[in-house]
Amino acid sequence: MSNDIALAFSSNDALHRYEAALDGKLAAYAEYNLLTDAIMFTHTEVLPAYEGKGVGSAIARHVLDEARTKGLHVIPVCQFIAGYIRKHREYADLVRPDIQRAFKI
């Protein structure tokens, strides 16, 4: 994604998802279930018009940074989030060791 395109991130608590918007239009979302001390990411979707522009990576980075800020462990049921963590090891510490084994982090 080019640096002159700025995504706006928000949390849609009613739908249990983080959303990324571009020019006021929904571009991607990451669905989650909030647990006592963890956040379980269940599905991430980039709308077709925004595929291949780095939107998926941007929302993954945002939701993982949010989890870190809130002191939550991450359970990456969503394969996209799990794959992002595998490629970006700086987020691996958000996933407990037993969960890392389960999701091959």
PDB file of N, CA and C in Angstrom:
ATOM      1  N   MET A   1       0.842  -1.167   0.000  1.00  0.00           N
ATOM      2  CA  MET A   1       0.000   0.000   0.000  1.00  0.00           C
ATOM      3  C   MET A   1       0.888   1.231   0.000  1.00  0.00           C
ATOM      4  N   SER A   2       0.598   2.186  -0.831  1.00  0.00           N
ATOM      5  CA  SER A   2       1.438   3.368  -0.895  1.00  0.00           C
ATOM      6  C   SER A   2       1.240   4.216   0.350  1.00  0.00           C
ATOM      7  N   ASN A   3       2.250   5.000   0.678  1.00  0.00           N
ATOM      8  CA  ASN A   3       2.222   5.784   1.905  1.00  0.00           C
ATOM      9  C   ASN A   3       1.197   6.912   1.879  1.00  0.00           C
ATOM     10  N   ASP A   4       0.709   7.297   0.699  1.00  0.00           N
ATOM     11  CA  ASP A   4      -0.244   8.404   0.644  1.00  0.00           C
ATOM     12  C   ASP A   4      -1.684   7.936   0.860  1.00  0.00           C
ATOM     13  N   ILE A   5      -1.895   6.624   1.017  1.00  0.00           N
ATOM     14  CA  ILE A   5      -3.230   6.094   1.302  1.00  0.00           C
ATOM     15  C   ILE A   5      -3.295   5.795   2.794  1.00  0.00           C
ATOM     16  N   ALA A   6      -4.212   6.454   3.468  1.00  0.00           N
ATOM     17  CA  ALA A   6      -4.318   6.269   4.919  1.00  0.00           C
ATOM     18  C   ALA A   6      -5.614   5.546   5.266  1.00  0.00           C
ATOM     19  N   LEU A   7      -5.464   4.432   5.920  1.00  0.00           N
ATOM     20  CA  LEU A   7      -6.628   3.689   6.404  1.00  0.00           C
ATOM     21  C   LEU A   7      -7.068   4.264   7.745  1.00  0.00           C
ATOM     22  N   ALA A   8      -8.363   4.270   7.971  1.00  0.00           N
ATOM     23  CA  ALA A   8      -8.916   4.653   9.264  1.00  0.00           C
ATOM     24  C   ALA A   8      -9.387   3.377   9.954  1.00  0.00           C
ATOM     25  N   PHE A   9      -8.882   3.129  11.151  1.00  0.00           N
ATOM     26  CA  PHE A   9      -9.235   1.923  11.892  1.00  0.00           C
ATOM     27  C   PHE A   9     -10.255   2.254  12.973  1.00  0.00           C
ATOM     28  N   SER A  10     -11.170   1.319  13.204  1.00  0.00           N
ATOM     29  CA  SER A  10     -12.144   1.480  14.280  1.00  0.00           C
ATOM     30  C   SER A  10     -12.517   0.100  14.804  1.00  0.00           C
ATOM     31  N   SER A  11     -13.100   0.110  16.004  1.00  0.00           N
ATOM     32  CA  SER A  11     -13.585  -1.133  16.583  1.00  0.00           C
ATOM     33  C   SER A  11     -15.103  -1.097  16.559  1.00  0.00           C
ATOM     34  N   ASN A  12     -15.687  -2.078  15.908  1.00  0.00           N
ATOM     35  CA  ASN A  12     -17.144  -2.197  15.852  1.00  0.00           C
ATOM     36  C   ASN A  12     -17.530  -3.258  16.881  1.00  0.00           C
ATOM     37  N   ASP A  13     -17.756  -2.799  18.116  1.00  0.00           N
ATOM     38  CA  ASP A  13     -18.022  -3.729  19.217  1.00  0.00           C
ATOM     39  C   ASP A  13     -19.297  -4.543  18.993  1.00  0.00           C
ATOM     40  N   ALA A  14     -20.291  -3.945  18.376  1.00  0.00           N
ATOM     41  CA  ALA A  14     -21.567  -4.639  18.142  1.00  0.00           C
ATOM     42  C   ALA A  14     -21.383  -5.857  17.242  1.00  0.00           C
ATOM     43  N   LEU A  15     -20.485  -5.749  16.270  1.00  0.00           N
ATOM     44  CA  LEU A  15     -20.236  -6.858  15.338  1.00  0.00           C
ATOM     45  C   LEU A  15     -18.998  -7.666  15.723  1.00  0.00           C
ATOM     46  N   HIS A  16     -18.354  -7.308  16.835  1.00  0.00           N
ATOM     47  CA  HIS A  16     -17.142  -8.005  17.305  1.00  0.00           C
ATOM     48  C   HIS A  16     -16.079  -8.043  16.215  1.00  0.00           C
ATOM     49  N   ARG A  17     -15.760  -6.853  15.698  1.00  0.00           N
ATOM     50  CA  ARG A  17     -14.716  -6.814  14.685  1.00  0.00           C
ATOM     51  C   ARG A  17     -14.052  -5.441  14.647  1.00  0.00           C
ATOM     52  N   TYR A  18     -12.792  -5.472  14.247  1.00  0.00           N
ATOM     53  CA  TYR A  18     -12.073  -4.247  13.924  1.00  0.00           C
ATOM     54  C   TYR A  18     -12.303  -4.003  12.441  1.00  0.00           C
ATOM     55  N   GLU A  19     -12.406  -2.740  12.076  1.00  0.00           N
ATOM     56  CA  GLU A  19     -12.645  -2.392  10.683  1.00  0.00           C
ATOM     57  C   GLU A  19     -11.584  -1.417  10.191  1.00  0.00           C
ATOM     58  N   ALA A  20     -11.266  -1.535   8.911  1.00  0.00           N
ATOM     59  CA  ALA A  20     -10.364  -0.597   8.245  1.00  0.00           C
ATOM     60  C   ALA A  20     -11.151   0.035   7.107  1.00  0.00           C
ATOM     61  N   ALA A  21     -11.156   1.355   7.071  1.00  0.00           N
ATOM     62  CA  ALA A  21     -11.884   2.067   6.029  1.00  0.00           C
ATOM     63  C   ALA A  21     -10.909   2.920   5.222  1.00  0.00           C
ATOM     64  N   LEU A  22     -11.205   3.048   3.954  1.00  0.00           N
ATOM     65  CA  LEU A  22     -10.426   3.893   3.056  1.00  0.00           C
ATOM     66  C   LEU A  22     -11.404   4.834   2.381  1.00  0.00           C
ATOM     67  N   ASP A  23     -11.174   6.115   2.534  1.00  0.00           N
ATOM     68  CA  ASP A  23     -12.086   7.129   1.990  1.00  0.00           C
ATOM     69  C   ASP A  23     -13.520   6.899   2.453  1.00  0.00           C
ATOM     70  N   GLY A  24     -13.665   6.511   3.718  1.00  0.00           N
ATOM     71  CA  GLY A  24     -14.990   6.324   4.294  1.00  0.00           C
ATOM     72  C   GLY A  24     -15.685   5.030   3.921  1.00  0.00           C
ATOM     73  N   LYS A  25     -15.020   4.180   3.143  1.00  0.00           N
ATOM     74  CA  LYS A  25     -15.625   2.904   2.720  1.00  0.00           C
ATOM     75  C   LYS A  25     -14.905   1.746   3.393  1.00  0.00           C
ATOM     76  N   LEU A  26     -15.681   0.764   3.862  1.00  0.00           N
ATOM     77  CA  LEU A  26     -15.104  -0.417   4.488  1.00  0.00           C
ATOM     78  C   LEU A  26     -14.182  -1.131   3.504  1.00  0.00           C
ATOM     79  N   ALA A  27     -12.941  -1.350   3.932  1.00  0.00           N
ATOM     80  CA  ALA A  27     -11.963  -2.021   3.080  1.00  0.00           C
ATOM     81  C   ALA A  27     -11.630  -3.421   3.596  1.00  0.00           C
ATOM     82  N   ALA A  28     -11.663  -3.595   4.925  1.00  0.00           N
ATOM     83  CA  ALA A  28     -11.308  -4.886   5.528  1.00  0.00           C
ATOM     84  C   ALA A  28     -11.840  -4.927   6.951  1.00  0.00           C
ATOM     85  N   TYR A  29     -11.922  -6.153   7.468  1.00  0.00           N
ATOM     86  CA  TYR A  29     -12.297  -6.314   8.875  1.00  0.00           C
ATOM     87  C   TYR A  29     -11.666  -7.578   9.428  1.00  0.00           C
ATOM     88  N   ALA A  30     -11.484  -7.549  10.754  1.00  0.00           N
ATOM     89  CA  ALA A  30     -10.947  -8.701  11.485  1.00  0.00           C
ATOM     90  C   ALA A  30     -11.917  -9.001  12.624  1.00  0.00           C
ATOM     91  N   GLU A  31     -12.571 -10.157  12.544  1.00  0.00           N
ATOM     92  CA  GLU A  31     -13.545 -10.550  13.563  1.00  0.00           C
ATOM     93  C   GLU A  31     -12.835 -11.173  14.759  1.00  0.00           C
ATOM     94  N   TYR A  32     -13.410 -10.943  15.935  1.00  0.00           N
ATOM     95  CA  TYR A  32     -12.789 -11.444  17.156  1.00  0.00           C
ATOM     96  C   TYR A  32     -13.828 -11.824  18.199  1.00  0.00           C
ATOM     97  N   ASN A  33     -13.376 -12.626  19.158  1.00  0.00           N
ATOM     98  CA  ASN A  33     -14.121 -12.908  20.379  1.00  0.00           C
ATOM     99  C   ASN A  33     -13.226 -12.457  21.520  1.00  0.00           C
ATOM    100  N   LEU A  34     -13.757 -11.624  22.388  1.00  0.00           N
ATOM    101  CA  LEU A  34     -12.997 -11.125  23.522  1.00  0.00           C
ATOM    102  C   LEU A  34     -13.177 -12.060  24.708  1.00  0.00           C
ATOM    103  N   LEU A  35     -12.058 -12.545  25.253  1.00  0.00           N
ATOM    104  CA  LEU A  35     -12.066 -13.427  26.407  1.00  0.00           C
ATOM    105  C   LEU A  35     -11.532 -12.643  27.610  1.00  0.00           C
ATOM    106  N   THR A  36     -11.428 -13.277  28.750  1.00  0.00           N
ATOM    107  CA  THR A  36     -10.997 -12.581  29.961  1.00  0.00           C
ATOM    108  C   THR A  36      -9.642 -11.902  29.789  1.00  0.00           C
ATOM    109  N   ASP A  37      -8.643 -12.650  29.336  1.00  0.00           N
ATOM    110  CA  ASP A  37      -7.301 -12.083  29.198  1.00  0.00           C
ATOM    111  C   ASP A  37      -6.730 -12.289  27.796  1.00  0.00           C
ATOM    112  N   ALA A  38      -7.613 -12.563  26.841  1.00  0.00           N
ATOM    113  CA  ALA A  38      -7.152 -12.838  25.479  1.00  0.00           C
ATOM    114  C   ALA A  38      -8.170 -12.349  24.461  1.00  0.00           C
ATOM    115  N   ILE A  39      -7.691 -12.211  23.240  1.00  0.00           N
ATOM    116  CA  ILE A  39      -8.569 -11.908  22.123  1.00  0.00           C
ATOM    117  C   ILE A  39      -8.348 -12.993  21.074  1.00  0.00           C
ATOM    118  N   MET A  40      -9.434 -13.616  20.655  1.00  0.00           N
ATOM    119  CA  MET A  40      -9.374 -14.691  19.674  1.00  0.00           C
ATOM    120  C   MET A  40      -9.808 -14.120  18.320  1.00  0.00           C
ATOM    121  N   PHE A  41      -8.866 -14.071  17.379  1.00  0.00           N
ATOM    122  CA  PHE A  41      -9.202 -13.608  16.033  1.00  0.00           C
ATOM    123  C   PHE A  41      -9.706 -14.799  15.230  1.00  0.00           C
ATOM    124  N   THR A  42     -10.932 -14.682  14.721  1.00  0.00           N
ATOM    125  CA  THR A  42     -11.584 -15.814  14.069  1.00  0.00           C
ATOM    126  C   THR A  42     -11.632 -15.707  12.549  1.00  0.00           C
ATOM    127  N   HIS A  43     -11.606 -14.483  12.016  1.00  0.00           N
ATOM    128  CA  HIS A  43     -11.713 -14.330  10.557  1.00  0.00           C
ATOM    129  C   HIS A  43     -11.265 -12.927  10.174  1.00  0.00           C
ATOM    130  N   THR A  44     -10.492 -12.849   9.109  1.00  0.00           N
ATOM    131  CA  THR A  44     -10.088 -11.556   8.553  1.00  0.00           C
ATOM    132  C   THR A  44     -10.473 -11.554   7.085  1.00  0.00           C
ATOM    133  N   GLU A  45     -11.040 -10.452   6.648  1.00  0.00           N
ATOM    134  CA  GLU A  45     -11.475 -10.360   5.260  1.00  0.00           C
ATOM    135  C   GLU A  45     -11.100  -9.002   4.685  1.00  0.00           C
ATOM    136  N   VAL A  46     -10.537  -9.026   3.495  1.00  0.00           N
ATOM    137  CA  VAL A  46     -10.284  -7.809   2.726  1.00  0.00           C
ATOM    138  C   VAL A  46     -11.280  -7.820   1.582  1.00  0.00           C
ATOM    139  N   LEU A  47     -12.047  -6.736   1.453  1.00  0.00           N
ATOM    140  CA  LEU A  47     -13.026  -6.669   0.379  1.00  0.00           C
ATOM    141  C   LEU A  47     -12.314  -6.680  -0.970  1.00  0.00           C
ATOM    142  N   PRO A  48     -12.910  -7.337  -1.982  1.00  0.00           N
ATOM    143  CA  PRO A  48     -12.235  -7.546  -3.264  1.00  0.00           C
ATOM    144  C   PRO A  48     -11.604  -6.297  -3.883  1.00  0.00           C
ATOM    145  N   ALA A  49     -12.246  -5.170  -3.796  1.00  0.00           N
ATOM    146  CA  ALA A  49     -11.714  -3.946  -4.413  1.00  0.00           C
ATOM    147  C   ALA A  49     -10.399  -3.489  -3.777  1.00  0.00           C
ATOM    148  N   TYR A  50     -10.089  -4.005  -2.579  1.00  0.00           N
ATOM    149  CA  TYR A  50      -8.910  -3.555  -1.844  1.00  0.00           C
ATOM    150  C   TYR A  50      -7.827  -4.623  -1.734  1.00  0.00           C
ATOM    151  N   GLU A  51      -8.043  -5.775  -2.368  1.00  0.00           N
ATOM    152  CA  GLU A  51      -7.061  -6.855  -2.308  1.00  0.00           C
ATOM    153  C   GLU A  51      -5.770  -6.439  -3.017  1.00  0.00           C
ATOM    154  N   GLY A  52      -4.647  -6.944  -2.504  1.00  0.00           N
ATOM    155  CA  GLY A  52      -3.357  -6.701  -3.132  1.00  0.00           C
ATOM    156  C   GLY A  52      -2.786  -5.318  -2.898  1.00  0.00           C
ATOM    157  N   LYS A  53      -3.354  -4.577  -1.959  1.00  0.00           N
ATOM    158  CA  LYS A  53      -2.891  -3.212  -1.686  1.00  0.00           C
ATOM    159  C   LYS A  53      -2.277  -3.063  -0.294  1.00  0.00           C
ATOM    160  N   GLY A  54      -2.079  -4.176   0.396  1.00  0.00           N
ATOM    161  CA  GLY A  54      -1.489  -4.127   1.728  1.00  0.00           C
ATOM    162  C   GLY A  54      -2.482  -3.873   2.843  1.00  0.00           C
ATOM    163  N   VAL A  55      -3.769  -3.883   2.512  1.00  0.00           N
ATOM    164  CA  VAL A  55      -4.801  -3.610   3.512  1.00  0.00           C
ATOM    165  C   VAL A  55      -4.850  -4.724   4.557  1.00  0.00           C
ATOM    166  N   GLY A  56      -4.726  -5.969   4.130  1.00  0.00           N
ATOM    167  CA  GLY A  56      -4.754  -7.093   5.064  1.00  0.00           C
ATOM    168  C   GLY A  56      -3.620  -7.017   6.075  1.00  0.00           C
ATOM    169  N   SER A  57      -2.422  -6.738   5.585  1.00  0.00           N
ATOM    170  CA  SER A  57      -1.277  -6.604   6.496  1.00  0.00           C
ATOM    171  C   SER A  57      -1.465  -5.428   7.439  1.00  0.00           C
ATOM    172  N   ALA A  58      -2.032  -4.342   6.931  1.00  0.00           N
ATOM    173  CA  ALA A  58      -2.235  -3.154   7.770  1.00  0.00           C
ATOM    174  C   ALA A  58      -3.224  -3.431   8.893  1.00  0.00           C
ATOM    175  N   ILE A  59      -4.314  -4.131   8.590  1.00  0.00           N
ATOM    176  CA  ILE A  59      -5.280  -4.409   9.666  1.00  0.00           C
ATOM    177  C   ILE A  59      -4.719  -5.445  10.638  1.00  0.00           C
ATOM    178  N   ALA A  60      -3.951  -6.414  10.139  1.00  0.00           N
ATOM    179  CA  ALA A  60      -3.321  -7.388  11.036  1.00  0.00           C
ATOM    180  C   ALA A  60      -2.384  -6.680  12.008  1.00  0.00           C
ATOM    181  N   ARG A  61      -1.550  -5.797  11.486  1.00  0.00           N
ATOM    182  CA  ARG A  61      -0.625  -5.033  12.326  1.00  0.00           C
ATOM    183  C   ARG A  61      -1.403  -4.210  13.363  1.00  0.00           C
ATOM    184  N   HIS A  62      -2.472  -3.566  12.924  1.00  0.00           N
ATOM    185  CA  HIS A  62      -3.271  -2.734  13.831  1.00  0.00           C
ATOM    186  C   HIS A  62      -3.887  -3.551  14.966  1.00  0.00           C
ATOM    187  N   VAL A  63      -4.521  -4.685  14.630  1.00  0.00           N
ATOM    188  CA  VAL A  63      -5.206  -5.454  15.676  1.00  0.00           C
ATOM    189  C   VAL A  63      -4.206  -6.073  16.653  1.00  0.00           C
ATOM    190  N   LEU A  64      -3.040  -6.454  16.153  1.00  0.00           N
ATOM    191  CA  LEU A  64      -2.021  -7.014  17.047  1.00  0.00           C
ATOM    192  C   LEU A  64      -1.433  -5.934  17.948  1.00  0.00           C
ATOM    193  N   ASP A  65      -1.241  -4.737  17.404  1.00  0.00           N
ATOM    194  CA  ASP A  65      -0.783  -3.619  18.234  1.00  0.00           C
ATOM    195  C   ASP A  65      -1.821  -3.278  19.298  1.00  0.00           C
ATOM    196  N   GLU A  66      -3.101  -3.321  18.936  1.00  0.00           N
ATOM    197  CA  GLU A  66      -4.181  -3.061  19.892  1.00  0.00           C
ATOM    198  C   GLU A  66      -4.168  -4.100  21.015  1.00  0.00           C
ATOM    199  N   ALA A  67      -3.993  -5.367  20.651  1.00  0.00           N
ATOM    200  CA  ALA A  67      -3.939  -6.430  21.662  1.00  0.00           C
ATOM    201  C   ALA A  67      -2.785  -6.174  22.626  1.00  0.00           C
ATOM    202  N   ARG A  68      -1.640  -5.782  22.083  1.00  0.00           N
ATOM    203  CA  ARG A  68      -0.471  -5.508  22.930  1.00  0.00           C
ATOM    204  C   ARG A  68      -0.767  -4.338  23.876  1.00  0.00           C
ATOM    205  N   THR A  69      -1.343  -3.278  23.348  1.00  0.00           N
ATOM    206  CA  THR A  69      -1.668  -2.097  24.157  1.00  0.00           C
ATOM    207  C   THR A  69      -2.625  -2.446  25.290  1.00  0.00           C
ATOM    208  N   LYS A  70      -3.580  -3.344  25.001  1.00  0.00           N
ATOM    209  CA  LYS A  70      -4.586  -3.718  26.005  1.00  0.00           C
ATOM    210  C   LYS A  70      -4.122  -4.847  26.921  1.00  0.00           C
ATOM    211  N   GLY A  71      -2.901  -5.358  26.694  1.00  0.00           N
ATOM    212  CA  GLY A  71      -2.368  -6.421  27.539  1.00  0.00           C
ATOM    213  C   GLY A  71      -3.054  -7.759  27.338  1.00  0.00           C
ATOM    214  N   LEU A  72      -3.542  -8.007  26.124  1.00  0.00           N
ATOM    215  CA  LEU A  72      -4.257  -9.256  25.833  1.00  0.00           C
ATOM    216  C   LEU A  72      -3.359 -10.249  25.110  1.00  0.00           C
ATOM    217  N   HIS A  73      -3.518 -11.530  25.450  1.00  0.00           N
ATOM    218  CA  HIS A  73      -2.893 -12.590  24.668  1.00  0.00           C
ATOM    219  C   HIS A  73      -3.710 -12.756  23.397  1.00  0.00           C
ATOM    220  N   VAL A  74      -3.072 -13.261  22.355  1.00  0.00           N
ATOM    221  CA  VAL A  74      -3.743 -13.471  21.074  1.00  0.00           C
ATOM    222  C   VAL A  74      -3.905 -14.961  20.815  1.00  0.00           C
ATOM    223  N   ILE A  75      -5.101 -15.337  20.379  1.00  0.00           N
ATOM    224  CA  ILE A  75      -5.377 -16.703  19.929  1.00  0.00           C
ATOM    225  C   ILE A  75      -5.720 -16.576  18.441  1.00  0.00           C
ATOM    226  N   PRO A  76      -4.768 -16.925  17.562  1.00  0.00           N
ATOM    227  CA  PRO A  76      -4.951 -16.681  16.128  1.00  0.00           C
ATOM    228  C   PRO A  76      -5.652 -17.831  15.394  1.00  0.00           C
ATOM    229  N   VAL A  77      -6.938 -18.005  15.673  1.00  0.00           N
ATOM    230  CA  VAL A  77      -7.713 -19.028  14.957  1.00  0.00           C
ATOM    231  C   VAL A  77      -7.756 -18.692  13.465  1.00  0.00           C
ATOM    232  N   CYS A  78      -7.837 -17.410  13.161  1.00  0.00           N
ATOM    233  CA  CYS A  78      -7.826 -16.940  11.768  1.00  0.00           C
ATOM    234  C   CYS A  78      -6.460 -17.245  11.151  1.00  0.00           C
ATOM    235  N   GLN A  79      -6.462 -17.973  10.043  1.00  0.00           N
ATOM    236  CA  GLN A  79      -5.206 -18.361   9.401  1.00  0.00           C
ATOM    237  C   GLN A  79      -4.410 -17.165   8.891  1.00  0.00           C
ATOM    238  N   PHE A  80      -5.095 -16.103   8.504  1.00  0.00           N
ATOM    239  CA  PHE A  80      -4.384 -14.911   8.028  1.00  0.00           C
ATOM    240  C   PHE A  80      -3.584 -14.281   9.170  1.00  0.00           C
ATOM    241  N   ILE A  81      -4.213 -14.128  10.331  1.00  0.00           N
ATOM    242  CA  ILE A  81      -3.520 -13.542  11.493  1.00  0.00           C
ATOM    243  C   ILE A  81      -2.381 -14.458  11.932  1.00  0.00           C
ATOM    244  N   ALA A  82      -2.632 -15.771  11.964  1.00  0.00           N
ATOM    245  CA  ALA A  82      -1.573 -16.725  12.335  1.00  0.00           C
ATOM    246  C   ALA A  82      -0.400 -16.609  11.368  1.00  0.00           C
ATOM    247  N   GLY A  83      -0.688 -16.530  10.085  1.00  0.00           N
ATOM    248  CA  GLY A  83       0.364 -16.402   9.078  1.00  0.00           C
ATOM    249  C   GLY A  83       1.131 -15.101   9.217  1.00  0.00           C
ATOM    250  N   TYR A  84       0.419 -14.032   9.542  1.00  0.00           N
ATOM    251  CA  TYR A  84       1.076 -12.735   9.731  1.00  0.00           C
ATOM    252  C   TYR A  84       2.055 -12.814  10.898  1.00  0.00           C
ATOM    253  N   ILE A  85       1.634 -13.447  11.987  1.00  0.00           N
ATOM    254  CA  ILE A  85       2.517 -13.585  13.157  1.00  0.00           C
ATOM    255  C   ILE A  85       3.728 -14.442  12.808  1.00  0.00           C
ATOM    256  N   ARG A  86       3.540 -15.500  12.018  1.00  0.00           N
ATOM    257  CA  ARG A  86       4.678 -16.345  11.606  1.00  0.00           C
ATOM    258  C   ARG A  86       5.710 -15.520  10.837  1.00  0.00           C
ATOM    259  N   LYS A  87       5.251 -14.606   9.999  1.00  0.00           N
ATOM    260  CA  LYS A  87       6.153 -13.787   9.176  1.00  0.00           C
ATOM    261  C   LYS A  87       6.720 -12.602   9.942  1.00  0.00           C
ATOM    262  N   HIS A  88       6.025 -12.154  10.971  1.00  0.00           N
ATOM    263  CA  HIS A  88       6.439 -10.977  11.743  1.00  0.00           C
ATOM    264  C   HIS A  88       6.621 -11.401  13.197  1.00  0.00           C
ATOM    265  N   ARG A  89       7.801 -11.948  13.464  1.00  0.00           N
ATOM    266  CA  ARG A  89       8.083 -12.588  14.748  1.00  0.00           C
ATOM    267  C   ARG A  89       7.992 -11.624  15.934  1.00  0.00           C
ATOM    268  N   GLU A  90       8.017 -10.325  15.682  1.00  0.00           N
ATOM    269  CA  GLU A  90       7.914  -9.369  16.786  1.00  0.00           C
ATOM    270  C   GLU A  90       6.557  -9.447  17.494  1.00  0.00           C
ATOM    271  N   TYR A  91       5.601 -10.161  16.875  1.00  0.00           N
ATOM    272  CA  TYR A  91       4.285 -10.336  17.497  1.00  0.00           C
ATOM    273  C   TYR A  91       4.125 -11.709  18.161  1.00  0.00           C
ATOM    274  N   ALA A  92       5.101 -12.592  18.016  1.00  0.00           N
ATOM    275  CA  ALA A  92       4.983 -13.955  18.537  1.00  0.00           C
ATOM    276  C   ALA A  92       4.791 -13.982  20.052  1.00  0.00           C
ATOM    277  N   ASP A  93       5.347 -12.999  20.757  1.00  0.00           N
ATOM    278  CA  ASP A  93       5.225 -12.988  22.216  1.00  0.00           C
ATOM    279  C   ASP A  93       3.787 -12.748  22.682  1.00  0.00           C
ATOM    280  N   LEU A  94       2.907 -12.293  21.791  1.00  0.00           N
ATOM    281  CA  LEU A  94       1.501 -12.102  22.140  1.00  0.00           C
ATOM    282  C   LEU A  94       0.760 -13.426  22.263  1.00  0.00           C
ATOM    283  N   VAL A  95       1.350 -14.482  21.695  1.00  0.00           N
ATOM    284  CA  VAL A  95       0.710 -15.798  21.682  1.00  0.00           C
ATOM    285  C   VAL A  95       1.402 -16.684  22.716  1.00  0.00           C
ATOM    286  N   ARG A  96       0.627 -17.192  23.680  1.00  0.00           N
ATOM    287  CA  ARG A  96       1.195 -18.061  24.720  1.00  0.00           C
ATOM    288  C   ARG A  96       1.867 -19.278  24.072  1.00  0.00           C
ATOM    289  N   PRO A  97       2.919 -19.812  24.703  1.00  0.00           N
ATOM    290  CA  PRO A  97       3.647 -20.952  24.119  1.00  0.00           C
ATOM    291  C   PRO A  97       2.756 -22.144  23.754  1.00  0.00           C
ATOM    292  N   ASP A  98       1.785 -22.503  24.611  1.00  0.00           N
ATOM    293  CA  ASP A  98       0.921 -23.640  24.290  1.00  0.00           C
ATOM    294  C   ASP A  98       0.056 -23.343  23.063  1.00  0.00           C
ATOM    295  N   ILE A  99      -0.353 -22.095  22.910  1.00  0.00           N
ATOM    296  CA  ILE A  99      -1.148 -21.695  21.747  1.00  0.00           C
ATOM    297  C   ILE A  99      -0.255 -21.633  20.511  1.00  0.00           C
ATOM    298  N   GLN A 100       0.985 -21.189  20.681  1.00  0.00           N
ATOM    299  CA  GLN A 100       1.938 -21.164  19.556  1.00  0.00           C
ATOM    300  C   GLN A 100       2.079 -22.561  18.950  1.00  0.00           C
ATOM    301  N   ARG A 101       2.204 -23.558  19.817  1.00  0.00           N
ATOM    302  CA  ARG A 101       2.334 -24.938  19.309  1.00  0.00           C
ATOM    303  C   ARG A 101       1.095 -25.354  18.530  1.00  0.00           C
ATOM    304  N   ALA A 102      -0.077 -25.015  19.067  1.00  0.00           N
ATOM    305  CA  ALA A 102      -1.328 -25.420  18.428  1.00  0.00           C
ATOM    306  C   ALA A 102      -1.483 -24.812  17.035  1.00  0.00           C
ATOM    307  N   PHE A 103      -0.991 -23.574  16.867  1.00  0.00           N
ATOM    308  CA  PHE A 103      -1.162 -22.883  15.587  1.00  0.00           C
ATOM    309  C   PHE A 103       0.136 -22.763  14.797  1.00  0.00           C
ATOM    310  N   LYS A 104       1.164 -23.523  15.223  1.00  0.00           N
ATOM    311  CA  LYS A 104       2.444 -23.578  14.513  1.00  0.00           C
ATOM    312  C   LYS A 104       3.057 -22.181  14.313  1.00  0.00           C
ATOM    313  N   ILE A 105       3.060 -21.432  15.400  1.00  0.00           N
ATOM    314  CA  ILE A 105       3.638 -20.075  15.377  1.00  0.00           C
ATOM    315  C   ILE A 105       5.121 -20.185  15.688  1.00  0.00           C
TER     316      ILE A 105
END
